[in-house]
Each structure stands twice: as C-alpha cells, then as structure tokens.
Amino acid sequence: MTIPADAPRRSLWHHHDFRQLWLGDTVSVFGAQFVGLAMPLMAVQVLGADAFQMGLLAALESLAFLLISLPAGAWVDRWRKKLVIVLGDLLRAALLLTLPLAWLLDALTMGQLYGVAFTVGCISVFFDVANQSYLPQIVDGDQIGEGNGKLQASQQTAGVVGPAAAAGLVRLVGSPLTIAVTAVCMALSALFVSRIRHREEPSDPATRRPLVTEVREGMAFVLGHPLLRRVVSCTGLSNLASSAVFGLFVLYAVRTLGLAETTLGLVLSVGAVGGLLGAVSSGRFARLVGEGRAIPVAAVVSGLAMLSTPLASVLPPVPTLLVGGFVTSWGVVVYNVAQVSFRQRLCPRPLLGRMNASVRFLVWGPMPVGAFAGGLLGRELGVVPTLWIFASVAVLAALPVLLSPLLGMRTLPRELDALAEGGHGAAADGPRP
C-alpha cells in the first residue's frame, strides 16, 4: 500500500531510531552542561586561573575544529556514524574521569586541564560531525526540520536545567566531582545510541578517492553556494565574538560582578529558557516571517542581545544578564534550526559528513581564535572593555545575512533541495518502526 505524498506523517516520537538518538543526545547535552560550568569553575576556584589562562582553556576546547575538522569529515563519511558517536561518548567519559581522580590524589594542574580540554575537543570533532550527519540517514528528508527542532528542544531544556543543577552540585560536592557526573551521562548516551536499529553501510573502499580530493569537494560545495556562503560567514563571525565573551564570562561573573556559583547557575538556566522557547517556536516563527527571512532576523536579534553582557557592569547585573541571555538564546536557536535544516536538505547524503565538517571548520575554527584573543585582550585591556569589543563584533556578524537575498525570501529554494527527490530515501536505508 502506497502512502499518499500529502498524507500527514506520524510524529518522530513514534520513530524508534529517532527516539534513541534523541535520548542519547539529551543525556549527552545534560552532561555537557555540567562540565561546561564545572571545568571553568575548577580553573578559577581550585587552580586560581587568571583571564589569560581562562582564554587559553576556552581556546583549547575548540582548537581541534580549526586543526582537524576538514579531514575528520572525509573520514566520518567513510565510517559508520553510529560507531563514531558511541566511541566518542565512551572516550570522552574516560578522559573526563581523570580530572576528579587527579583532584582526589592532589595532583590536579592547569596543564592536565589544558590537555583534557584539547583531547576531548579532538574527539568531539568526530562526534559532532557524525552526530549532525546521522539524523538525515535515519529520518525522511521532510522530517529533518522536525527532528532538529526536537533535538534543539532537548538541548535547550538541558540549558535551562543543567546550569542550575551543575551549580547545585558544585556547591554540594565541588567542581571535580561534578565533572564525574558528566562521564556517567556520556556513558548512558553511548548506550542509547547503540540501540538504534538502522543498518548503515560504510562507503565502498573501491570508490574512495584521495583524502585531499574528498576534503576539497566538501569545501567547494559550501563555498560554491551563495546563500550557504553568507550563512557560514555570519555564523563564523558570531562564534568568534561569542567565544571571546563566554571564555571570560565565568571569571567576569564571579570576580567582577561578584555572583555566587548558585546565582551564576540561575542566570545561565533562566537565560536558557529563551533557547527552549526558540526551539519550540522556531517552526512557527519561520512560517510567520518566512523560512529564509528567519535567518537574518534571528541573527540581528541575538547579536544585539549579546550587548547585555558588558551592560551588566553598569546596570543591575542579574536582571540584565537574565533578559539578555533569554533573548540571545532565543535568537541563536531559531537561527540554528533554520540554517542547519536548510543545509541538511541542500546536501546530497554521500557528502553530508564533508559538508558538515567544512561548515564546522569555517564556523567553529574562529572559536579558539576568539577565545584566545579574548583572554589576551582581557589581560591587557581589562575584562569589561574586552567584552564591549567582542559584543560589538557579535552585532556586526549579522551583516552577511542581513545584506543578502535571504531577507526577501519567505521560502528557501526547493529546487536546490538534494533530499526532495525520493523523499523516503532515509526510510529505505533501514527498518522503520
């Protein structure tokens, strides 16, 4: 029996493989929230890190995206993505466990913190490319937007609950033992993803070309598309600015604004409610203003809201950070759901890993540069002036998409949709529930 093309689809909550991917992703991002607060607090409170050391730590966390993301995409396209995700979770869990163990033995140093941050970042390159390339393989092309919305909703829920829970754990057991909780979360994530039934075949070795050729093909696809090129420019500039701001944020909140750990956790959690709202409202917002126009509008909103971070030094800090964080998170998530779904639809499946890796290189590569520059300028100019500089860069980052055809587009070009033909291709690759 053939299902009519215009028949309503069942929600992805009825899709076994998506549920496992969603559960794994949800547990993993909760763990990431824990370590995202506990590691910088460990550096500041346990090891007494200064502005430059905090910038260097943030830079090392994302440096791998600048160094190895391009070949990683070609490799991921050759491997089974589920295996990459499961092994990535397990290896990161093992590395993170070395931090509380070293603390218990009174052997923890900034050098170890730097080493773990960089190595976990290297593994995350492969993990993130595989994770983002896996969704289009297990769901149908017209369900990718729904899937991304649900994944973003869980990620933003973690953003709401995670910082407050992490802050409570830090206050209760300390930052090193809070990091141990992250390792448990990542192990659970590996368990859920391992239960996905989809059978994925690696590429035929006989059809593989030289690695450099495959890497070049992915980059040419990204840079050769005029709309995708503008989206990547906007995202890369925004990431450079936000990495500098967030690399100094814990130091700024604790030492300049005098916030306690629990207040900091509350600020991050309440601010992340905006991201949760963005995840559940992104589809409706795109229908209201147009799916093309949603990208530049959300970029402008999130960029302007970033100014709230330095403004907190002259206005009441907690309300300013709460409002600014709420609006920033809403804009970032709406922007990401729209642009990630667009590029996943746009790209042929055999090229997904290389496309995502090329995009990650271009948009995450600036992150260690921004974090390092933020730490360096924070030491030379002071933390607050540095925050003003990079918050202004975040506003300017919206220009590539604001001054583009996207602003006049209600719909993105479907004739370029690589997944439009044979819309049930994802289901054909493996059993549906």
Protein backbone atom coordinates (compact mmCIF):
# COMPACT_ATOMS: atom_id res chain seq x y z
CA MET A 1 0.00 0.00 0.00
CA THR A 2 1.43 3.38 -1.02
CA ILE A 3 1.12 6.30 1.36
CA PRO A 4 -0.07 9.45 -0.46
CA ALA A 5 2.60 12.14 -0.69
CA ASP A 6 0.36 14.70 1.01
CA ALA A 7 -0.73 12.37 3.84
CA PRO A 8 0.18 13.66 7.32
CA ARG A 9 3.21 11.94 8.81
CA ARG A 10 3.33 10.48 12.29
CA SER A 11 5.38 12.39 14.82
CA LEU A 12 9.01 11.36 15.18
CA TRP A 13 8.18 10.33 18.74
CA HIS A 14 6.81 7.16 17.07
CA HIS A 15 10.12 6.58 15.28
CA HIS A 16 12.24 4.08 17.27
CA ASP A 17 15.62 5.11 15.92
CA PHE A 18 14.94 8.81 16.35
CA ARG A 19 13.86 8.23 19.95
CA GLN A 20 17.17 6.51 20.71
CA LEU A 21 19.13 9.30 19.02
CA TRP A 22 17.11 11.88 20.93
CA LEU A 23 17.59 10.11 24.29
CA GLY A 24 21.33 9.80 23.70
CA ASP A 25 21.63 13.41 22.64
CA THR A 26 19.57 14.61 25.60
CA VAL A 27 21.65 12.76 28.19
CA SER A 28 24.87 13.87 26.49
CA VAL A 29 23.95 17.56 26.41
CA PHE A 30 22.97 17.47 30.08
CA GLY A 31 26.44 16.15 30.81
CA ALA A 32 27.95 18.85 28.61
CA GLN A 33 26.13 21.49 30.66
CA PHE A 34 27.64 20.07 33.84
CA VAL A 35 31.19 20.07 32.54
CA GLY A 36 30.69 23.42 30.79
CA LEU A 37 30.17 25.10 34.17
CA ALA A 38 32.28 22.82 36.37
CA MET A 39 35.51 22.96 34.32
CA PRO A 40 35.90 26.78 34.27
CA LEU A 41 34.84 26.95 37.94
CA MET A 42 37.52 24.34 38.70
CA ALA A 43 40.08 26.51 36.91
CA VAL A 44 39.02 29.70 38.74
CA GLN A 45 38.31 28.35 42.22
CA VAL A 46 40.56 25.30 42.60
CA LEU A 47 43.55 26.36 40.48
CA GLY A 48 43.25 30.19 40.66
CA ALA A 49 43.30 30.81 36.89
CA ASP A 50 43.59 34.39 35.55
CA ALA A 51 42.00 35.97 32.44
CA PHE A 52 44.70 34.75 30.05
CA GLN A 53 44.54 31.18 31.39
CA MET A 54 40.75 31.17 31.06
CA GLY A 55 41.01 32.37 27.47
CA LEU A 56 43.61 29.70 26.73
CA LEU A 57 41.43 26.99 28.28
CA ALA A 58 38.45 28.07 26.16
CA ALA A 59 40.66 28.18 23.06
CA LEU A 60 41.95 24.65 23.62
CA GLU A 61 38.41 23.31 24.00
CA SER A 62 37.61 24.28 20.39
CA LEU A 63 41.08 24.33 18.78
CA ALA A 64 40.58 20.89 17.23
CA PHE A 65 37.80 22.24 15.00
CA LEU A 66 40.39 24.51 13.40
CA LEU A 67 43.07 21.81 13.13
CA ILE A 68 41.36 18.56 12.11
CA SER A 69 37.71 19.15 11.23
CA LEU A 70 38.27 19.05 7.45
CA PRO A 71 39.90 15.60 7.26
CA ALA A 72 37.57 14.41 10.03
CA GLY A 73 34.57 14.99 7.77
CA ALA A 74 36.06 12.87 4.99
CA TRP A 75 36.90 10.11 7.46
CA VAL A 76 33.42 10.18 9.00
CA ASP A 77 31.88 9.80 5.54
CA ARG A 78 33.89 6.57 5.21
CA TRP A 79 32.92 5.13 8.62
CA ARG A 80 29.72 4.00 10.34
CA LYS A 81 28.45 7.13 12.04
CA LYS A 82 26.76 5.26 14.89
CA LEU A 83 30.09 3.70 15.86
CA VAL A 84 31.79 7.11 15.82
CA ILE A 85 29.09 8.53 18.13
CA VAL A 86 29.23 5.63 20.61
CA LEU A 87 33.03 5.52 20.79
CA GLY A 88 33.17 9.30 21.06
CA ASP A 89 30.94 9.28 24.13
CA LEU A 90 32.89 6.49 25.83
CA LEU A 91 36.32 8.01 25.18
CA ARG A 92 35.27 11.45 26.41
CA ALA A 93 33.79 9.90 29.55
CA ALA A 94 37.08 8.15 30.31
CA LEU A 95 39.15 11.31 29.78
CA LEU A 96 36.90 13.48 31.95
CA LEU A 97 37.14 10.95 34.80
CA THR A 98 40.88 11.65 35.03
CA LEU A 99 40.14 15.15 36.39
CA PRO A 100 38.30 14.15 39.60
CA LEU A 101 40.80 11.30 40.08
CA ALA A 102 43.74 13.73 39.87
CA TRP A 103 41.97 16.11 42.28
CA LEU A 104 41.41 13.31 44.78
CA LEU A 105 45.14 12.49 44.56
CA ASP A 106 46.04 16.20 44.97
CA ALA A 107 47.75 16.10 41.56
CA LEU A 108 45.44 18.34 39.50
CA THR A 109 47.20 21.03 37.42
CA MET A 110 46.28 23.55 34.76
CA GLY A 111 48.44 21.50 32.37
CA GLN A 112 46.18 18.47 32.84
CA LEU A 113 43.11 20.66 32.45
CA TYR A 114 44.51 22.02 29.18
CA GLY A 115 45.35 18.51 27.95
CA VAL A 116 41.93 17.04 28.75
CA ALA A 117 40.14 20.05 27.23
CA PHE A 118 42.11 19.73 23.98
CA THR A 119 41.81 15.93 23.70
CA VAL A 120 38.09 15.95 24.46
CA GLY A 121 37.78 18.66 21.82
CA CYS A 122 39.55 16.44 19.25
CA ILE A 123 37.15 13.58 19.94
CA SER A 124 34.21 16.00 19.82
CA VAL A 125 35.16 16.98 16.26
CA PHE A 126 34.47 13.44 15.05
CA PHE A 127 31.50 13.02 17.39
CA ASP A 128 29.76 16.23 16.34
CA VAL A 129 30.27 15.72 12.60
CA ALA A 130 28.90 12.16 12.84
CA ASN A 131 26.03 13.22 15.11
CA GLN A 132 24.89 16.02 12.83
CA SER A 133 25.26 13.84 9.72
CA TYR A 134 23.32 10.91 11.22
CA LEU A 135 19.84 12.45 11.52
CA PRO A 136 19.26 12.70 7.72
CA GLN A 137 20.12 8.99 7.43
CA ILE A 138 17.52 7.72 9.91
CA VAL A 139 14.55 10.02 9.12
CA ASP A 140 12.90 11.13 5.89
CA GLY A 141 14.01 14.36 4.24
CA ASP A 142 10.82 16.28 5.07
CA GLN A 143 11.14 15.32 8.75
CA ILE A 144 14.62 16.79 9.20
CA GLY A 145 13.26 20.14 10.39
CA GLU A 146 11.03 18.39 12.95
CA GLY A 147 13.96 16.28 14.12
CA ASN A 148 16.26 19.28 14.50
CA GLY A 149 13.54 21.13 16.40
CA LYS A 150 13.11 18.25 18.86
CA LEU A 151 16.87 17.88 19.33
CA GLN A 152 17.19 21.61 19.90
CA ALA A 153 14.33 21.48 22.42
CA SER A 154 16.14 18.85 24.49
CA GLN A 155 19.40 20.78 24.22
CA GLN A 156 17.75 23.95 25.40
CA THR A 157 15.96 22.12 28.21
CA ALA A 158 19.40 20.99 29.31
CA GLY A 159 20.47 24.61 29.04
CA VAL A 160 17.65 25.60 31.40
CA VAL A 161 18.04 22.85 33.98
CA GLY A 162 21.72 21.96 33.56
CA PRO A 163 23.48 25.10 34.86
CA ALA A 164 21.34 25.32 37.99
CA ALA A 165 21.79 21.60 38.64
CA ALA A 166 25.52 21.88 37.95
CA ALA A 167 25.83 24.88 40.27
CA GLY A 168 23.99 22.99 43.00
CA LEU A 169 26.29 20.01 42.55
CA VAL A 170 29.37 22.23 42.59
CA ARG A 171 28.18 23.80 45.83
CA LEU A 172 27.39 20.36 47.28
CA VAL A 173 30.32 18.18 46.15
CA GLY A 174 32.71 20.54 44.36
CA SER A 175 33.56 21.06 40.69
CA PRO A 176 35.83 18.00 40.28
CA LEU A 177 33.16 15.52 41.36
CA THR A 178 30.56 17.34 39.27
CA ILE A 179 32.69 16.52 36.23
CA ALA A 180 32.41 12.83 37.19
CA VAL A 181 28.64 13.12 36.65
CA THR A 182 29.34 14.17 33.07
CA ALA A 183 31.23 10.94 32.45
CA VAL A 184 28.19 8.95 33.61
CA CYS A 185 25.91 10.96 31.29
CA MET A 186 28.13 10.27 28.28
CA ALA A 187 28.23 6.55 29.04
CA LEU A 188 24.41 6.50 29.12
CA SER A 189 24.34 8.38 25.82
CA ALA A 190 26.51 5.69 24.23
CA LEU A 191 24.08 3.03 25.49
CA PHE A 192 21.03 4.69 23.94
CA VAL A 193 22.66 5.33 20.54
CA SER A 194 23.92 1.73 20.41
CA ARG A 195 20.25 0.61 20.38
CA ILE A 196 19.49 2.30 17.02
CA ARG A 197 18.37 -0.38 14.51
CA HIS A 198 19.30 1.47 11.34
CA ARG A 199 21.84 -0.53 9.32
CA GLU A 200 24.47 1.75 7.90
CA GLU A 201 26.92 0.60 5.26
CA PRO A 202 30.30 2.36 5.05
CA SER A 203 31.35 3.68 1.68
CA ASP A 204 32.87 1.17 -0.73
CA PRO A 205 36.70 1.40 -0.42
CA ALA A 206 36.97 0.89 -4.18
CA THR A 207 35.09 4.15 -4.80
CA ARG A 208 37.15 6.24 -2.43
CA ARG A 209 39.34 8.97 -3.83
CA PRO A 210 42.37 10.62 -2.22
CA LEU A 211 41.53 12.29 1.09
CA VAL A 212 42.55 15.73 -0.16
CA THR A 213 40.17 15.41 -3.11
CA GLU A 214 37.25 14.48 -0.87
CA VAL A 215 38.00 17.30 1.57
CA ARG A 216 38.18 19.77 -1.31
CA GLU A 217 34.82 18.55 -2.62
CA GLY A 218 33.12 19.27 0.70
CA MET A 219 34.62 22.74 0.96
CA ALA A 220 33.77 23.55 -2.66
CA PHE A 221 30.12 22.63 -2.02
CA VAL A 222 29.92 25.01 0.96
CA LEU A 223 31.76 27.94 -0.59
CA GLY A 224 30.16 27.47 -4.00
CA HIS A 225 26.62 28.14 -2.81
CA PRO A 226 25.90 31.89 -2.44
CA LEU A 227 23.35 31.56 0.38
CA LEU A 228 25.30 28.94 2.32
CA ARG A 229 28.44 31.07 2.00
CA ARG A 230 26.68 34.02 3.64
CA VAL A 231 25.26 31.86 6.43
CA VAL A 232 28.72 30.48 7.16
CA SER A 233 30.22 34.00 7.26
CA CYS A 234 27.58 35.16 9.74
CA THR A 235 27.94 32.10 11.95
CA GLY A 236 31.74 32.20 11.94
CA LEU A 237 31.93 35.87 12.96
CA SER A 238 29.28 35.35 15.63
CA ASN A 239 31.15 32.35 17.04
CA LEU A 240 34.41 34.28 17.15
CA ALA A 241 32.75 37.01 19.20
CA SER A 242 30.73 34.74 21.49
CA SER A 243 33.78 32.56 22.24
CA ALA A 244 35.67 35.60 23.49
CA VAL A 245 32.68 36.68 25.59
CA PHE A 246 31.90 33.26 27.06
CA GLY A 247 35.56 32.43 27.61
CA LEU A 248 35.67 35.32 30.10
CA PHE A 249 32.11 35.03 31.37
CA VAL A 250 32.67 32.88 34.48
CA LEU A 251 35.64 34.99 35.54
CA TYR A 252 33.63 38.18 34.87
CA ALA A 253 30.58 36.93 36.76
CA VAL A 254 32.48 35.64 39.79
CA ARG A 255 35.17 38.32 40.21
CA THR A 256 33.82 41.48 38.54
CA LEU A 257 30.10 41.14 39.28
CA GLY A 258 30.57 39.14 42.49
CA LEU A 259 27.98 36.46 41.68
CA ALA A 260 27.93 33.26 43.74
CA GLU A 261 28.00 29.87 41.99
CA THR A 262 24.28 29.33 42.56
CA THR A 263 23.41 32.78 41.22
CA LEU A 264 25.58 32.15 38.18
CA GLY A 265 23.82 28.83 37.61
CA LEU A 266 20.44 30.53 37.97
CA VAL A 267 21.42 33.23 35.46
CA LEU A 268 22.50 30.63 32.92
CA SER A 269 19.41 28.48 33.48
CA VAL A 270 16.85 31.27 33.28
CA GLY A 271 18.63 32.76 30.28
CA ALA A 272 18.47 29.39 28.54
CA VAL A 273 14.67 29.39 28.80
CA GLY A 274 14.83 31.65 25.77
CA GLY A 275 16.60 28.90 23.88
CA LEU A 276 13.91 26.42 24.83
CA LEU A 277 11.26 28.84 23.61
CA GLY A 278 13.27 29.27 20.41
CA ALA A 279 13.35 25.51 19.85
CA VAL A 280 9.60 25.02 20.24
CA SER A 281 8.69 28.21 18.35
CA SER A 282 11.24 28.07 15.52
CA GLY A 283 8.86 26.39 13.07
CA ARG A 284 6.02 28.80 13.81
CA PHE A 285 8.37 31.79 13.62
CA ALA A 286 9.68 30.62 10.24
CA ARG A 287 6.12 30.30 8.94
CA LEU A 288 5.27 33.75 10.29
CA VAL A 289 8.20 35.73 8.86
CA GLY A 290 9.34 33.26 6.19
CA GLU A 291 11.92 30.50 6.47
CA GLY A 292 14.50 32.49 4.53
CA ARG A 293 13.88 35.75 6.39
CA ALA A 294 14.02 33.97 9.77
CA ILE A 295 17.79 33.55 9.41
CA PRO A 296 18.80 37.26 9.22
CA VAL A 297 16.09 38.37 11.68
CA ALA A 298 17.24 35.89 14.31
CA ALA A 299 20.90 36.81 13.68
CA VAL A 300 20.20 40.51 14.32
CA VAL A 301 18.21 39.81 17.49
CA SER A 302 20.84 37.50 19.02
CA GLY A 303 23.69 39.87 18.10
CA LEU A 304 22.06 42.91 19.72
CA ALA A 305 21.19 40.90 22.83
CA MET A 306 24.87 39.98 23.31
CA LEU A 307 25.47 43.60 24.39
CA SER A 308 23.73 42.73 27.66
CA THR A 309 26.87 41.02 28.98
CA PRO A 310 29.06 44.15 29.25
CA LEU A 311 25.97 46.23 30.08
CA ALA A 312 25.66 44.19 33.29
CA SER A 313 28.71 46.06 34.60
CA VAL A 314 26.77 49.37 34.60
CA LEU A 315 23.17 48.16 35.02
CA PRO A 316 21.74 45.83 37.69
CA PRO A 317 23.72 42.72 36.80
CA VAL A 318 21.33 39.82 37.43
CA PRO A 319 18.24 41.27 35.64
CA THR A 320 20.40 42.48 32.75
CA LEU A 321 22.03 39.09 32.29
CA LEU A 322 18.70 37.30 32.61
CA VAL A 323 16.95 39.37 29.93
CA GLY A 324 19.96 39.42 27.64
CA GLY A 325 20.61 35.70 27.99
CA PHE A 326 16.95 34.91 27.31
CA VAL A 327 16.85 36.93 24.08
CA THR A 328 20.29 35.80 22.93
CA SER A 329 19.42 32.13 23.38
CA TRP A 330 16.09 32.53 21.60
CA GLY A 331 17.73 34.17 18.59
CA VAL A 332 20.62 31.69 18.41
CA VAL A 333 18.34 28.64 18.48
CA VAL A 334 15.85 29.99 15.92
CA TYR A 335 18.79 30.85 13.67
CA ASN A 336 20.40 27.43 14.09
CA VAL A 337 17.24 25.41 13.47
CA ALA A 338 16.59 27.35 10.26
CA GLN A 339 20.11 27.26 8.83
CA VAL A 340 21.04 23.71 9.90
CA SER A 341 17.82 22.26 8.44
CA PHE A 342 18.41 24.21 5.23
CA ARG A 343 21.93 22.95 4.71
CA GLN A 344 20.99 19.35 5.60
CA ARG A 345 18.25 19.43 2.96
CA LEU A 346 20.58 21.08 0.49
CA CYS A 347 23.37 18.49 0.67
CA PRO A 348 23.44 15.05 -1.01
CA ARG A 349 23.76 12.26 1.55
CA PRO A 350 27.22 10.97 0.45
CA LEU A 351 28.56 14.49 1.04
CA LEU A 352 26.92 15.17 4.43
CA GLY A 353 29.95 14.43 6.60
CA ARG A 354 32.30 16.53 4.49
CA MET A 355 29.77 19.34 4.19
CA ASN A 356 29.19 19.45 7.95
CA ALA A 357 32.94 19.21 8.61
CA SER A 358 33.65 22.06 6.19
CA VAL A 359 30.97 24.18 7.83
CA ARG A 360 32.35 23.31 11.28
CA PHE A 361 35.85 24.27 10.17
CA LEU A 362 34.62 27.63 8.90
CA VAL A 363 32.26 28.46 11.78
CA TRP A 364 33.96 26.72 14.72
CA GLY A 365 37.51 27.41 13.55
CA PRO A 366 37.22 31.06 14.64
CA MET A 367 36.21 29.98 18.16
CA PRO A 368 39.69 29.22 19.55
CA VAL A 369 40.94 32.40 17.87
CA GLY A 370 38.21 34.42 19.57
CA ALA A 371 38.71 32.75 22.94
CA PHE A 372 42.49 33.27 22.86
CA ALA A 373 42.10 36.88 21.69
CA GLY A 374 39.56 37.47 24.44
CA GLY A 375 41.92 36.15 27.09
CA LEU A 376 44.85 38.16 25.72
CA LEU A 377 42.89 41.41 25.46
CA GLY A 378 41.28 40.72 28.83
CA ARG A 379 44.74 40.68 30.41
CA GLU A 380 45.96 43.78 28.53
CA LEU A 381 42.83 45.98 28.42
CA GLY A 382 40.72 44.56 31.23
CA VAL A 383 37.76 42.18 31.15
CA VAL A 384 34.94 44.72 30.72
CA PRO A 385 36.47 46.66 27.75
CA THR A 386 37.18 43.33 26.05
CA LEU A 387 33.57 42.27 26.48
CA TRP A 388 32.40 45.52 24.86
CA ILE A 389 34.69 44.95 21.87
CA PHE A 390 33.51 41.43 21.14
CA ALA A 391 29.84 42.12 21.89
CA SER A 392 30.04 44.79 19.16
CA VAL A 393 31.57 42.24 16.78
CA ALA A 394 28.58 39.97 17.50
CA VAL A 395 26.24 42.73 16.30
CA LEU A 396 28.23 43.24 13.09
CA ALA A 397 28.25 39.48 12.43
CA ALA A 398 24.65 39.66 11.20
CA LEU A 399 25.58 41.81 8.18
CA PRO A 400 26.39 38.95 5.73
CA VAL A 401 22.86 37.52 6.02
CA LEU A 402 21.11 40.85 6.63
CA LEU A 403 22.54 42.28 3.39
CA SER A 404 21.61 39.22 1.32
CA PRO A 405 18.68 37.81 -0.68
CA LEU A 406 17.64 35.85 2.43
CA LEU A 407 15.95 38.94 3.85
CA GLY A 408 13.49 38.94 0.97
CA MET A 409 12.81 35.19 0.92
CA ARG A 410 9.77 33.68 2.53
CA THR A 411 10.80 30.23 1.31
CA LEU A 412 14.25 28.83 0.72
CA PRO A 413 14.90 27.49 -2.80
CA ARG A 414 13.34 23.99 -3.00
CA GLU A 415 14.81 23.35 -6.44
CA LEU A 416 18.18 23.04 -4.71
CA ASP A 417 16.85 20.56 -2.13
CA ALA A 418 19.03 17.45 -2.59
CA LEU A 419 16.67 15.36 -0.45
CA ALA A 420 13.50 16.36 -2.27
CA GLU A 421 13.70 13.55 -4.81
CA GLY A 422 12.66 10.21 -3.37
CA GLY A 423 11.60 11.85 -0.12
CA HIS A 424 11.52 8.45 1.59
CA GLY A 425 15.18 7.69 1.00
CA ALA A 426 16.04 7.73 4.67
CA ALA A 427 13.47 5.09 5.41
CA ALA A 428 14.74 2.90 2.60
CA ASP A 429 18.17 2.64 4.21
CA GLY A 430 16.86 0.80 7.26
CA PRO A 431 13.77 -0.54 9.03
CA ARG A 432 11.10 1.90 10.12
CA PRO A 433 9.30 1.34 13.41
